[in-house]
Amino acid sequence: MGADEQKIHAILARIGPHAALVLVACDDHETRQAAVAKAADQASESWDASRTEFLADLDPGAKHDWVRTALGEPSSTTG
């Protein structure tokens, strides 16, 4: 598991399904960076990767299905 994968797992483990989590999905790098900069004053941490990388780094199985649901992705049990 790479450092990026470890970071997303650590973030998700700390926040859990009842915390506020902002996911910015944007193809334009400048717009994405502007959104991240605006949120930085309130955020405790951040992680930047493509949607594909983010989804691939989630734990298999139902553990992170709450994140998949929030993104409109199929759960691991219906995948």
Protein backbone atom coordinates (compact mmCIF):
# COMPACT_ATOMS: atom_id res chain seq x y z
CA MET A 1 0.00 0.00 0.00
CA GLY A 2 1.49 3.35 -1.05
CA ALA A 3 1.67 6.53 1.02
CA ASP A 4 -1.35 8.06 -0.76
CA GLU A 5 -3.44 4.96 -0.09
CA GLN A 6 -2.42 4.99 3.56
CA LYS A 7 -3.40 8.66 3.85
CA ILE A 8 -6.93 8.20 2.49
CA HIS A 9 -7.45 5.17 4.73
CA ALA A 10 -6.28 7.17 7.74
CA ILE A 11 -8.55 10.13 6.90
CA LEU A 12 -11.60 7.91 6.43
CA ALA A 13 -10.86 5.99 9.62
CA ARG A 14 -10.77 9.23 11.62
CA ILE A 15 -13.86 10.90 10.16
CA GLY A 16 -16.28 7.98 9.98
CA PRO A 17 -19.74 8.06 8.41
CA HIS A 18 -21.15 10.85 10.60
CA ALA A 19 -18.53 13.56 9.98
CA ALA A 20 -18.45 16.34 7.42
CA LEU A 21 -16.43 15.37 4.39
CA VAL A 22 -16.07 17.57 1.32
CA LEU A 23 -15.26 15.81 -1.91
CA VAL A 24 -14.38 18.08 -4.82
CA ALA A 25 -14.76 16.38 -8.17
CA CYS A 26 -13.52 18.64 -10.94
CA ASP A 27 -11.57 18.04 -14.15
CA ASP A 28 -10.18 21.60 -14.14
CA HIS A 29 -7.05 21.70 -11.99
CA GLU A 30 -7.23 25.44 -11.28
CA THR A 31 -10.87 25.29 -10.18
CA ARG A 32 -10.15 22.29 -7.96
CA GLN A 33 -7.18 24.06 -6.37
CA ALA A 34 -9.29 27.19 -5.77
CA ALA A 35 -11.95 25.12 -4.00
CA VAL A 36 -9.31 23.42 -1.87
CA ALA A 37 -7.74 26.77 -0.97
CA LYS A 38 -11.12 28.17 0.14
CA ALA A 39 -11.83 25.12 2.28
CA ALA A 40 -8.34 25.03 3.82
CA ASP A 41 -9.26 27.49 6.58
CA GLN A 42 -11.79 25.03 7.98
CA ALA A 43 -10.32 21.70 6.92
CA SER A 44 -8.22 19.63 9.26
CA GLU A 45 -6.55 17.80 6.36
CA SER A 46 -6.82 17.13 2.65
CA TRP A 47 -5.89 14.59 -0.01
CA ASP A 48 -5.76 15.11 -3.76
CA ALA A 49 -6.19 12.37 -6.36
CA SER A 50 -8.38 11.49 -9.29
CA ARG A 51 -11.84 10.04 -8.66
CA THR A 52 -10.64 6.73 -10.11
CA GLU A 53 -7.66 6.65 -7.73
CA PHE A 54 -9.84 7.64 -4.78
CA LEU A 55 -12.37 4.86 -5.46
CA ALA A 56 -9.60 2.31 -6.05
CA ASP A 57 -8.01 3.21 -2.70
CA LEU A 58 -11.16 2.51 -0.70
CA ASP A 59 -11.21 -0.71 1.29
CA PRO A 60 -12.92 -3.59 -0.51
CA GLY A 61 -16.14 -4.76 1.05
CA ALA A 62 -18.81 -2.78 2.86
CA LYS A 63 -16.50 -0.76 5.15
CA HIS A 64 -16.44 2.29 2.85
CA ASP A 65 -19.78 1.80 1.11
CA TRP A 66 -20.99 5.01 2.80
CA VAL A 67 -18.38 6.88 0.74
CA ARG A 68 -19.37 5.07 -2.46
CA THR A 69 -23.02 5.93 -1.78
CA ALA A 70 -22.15 9.60 -1.24
CA LEU A 71 -20.41 9.61 -4.63
CA GLY A 72 -23.30 7.89 -6.39
CA GLU A 73 -21.22 4.77 -6.96
CA PRO A 74 -22.55 1.24 -6.51
CA SER A 75 -21.85 -0.40 -3.18
CA SER A 76 -19.31 -3.18 -3.06
CA THR A 77 -22.10 -5.69 -2.52
CA THR A 78 -24.01 -4.66 -5.66
CA GLY A 79 -20.89 -3.95 -7.76
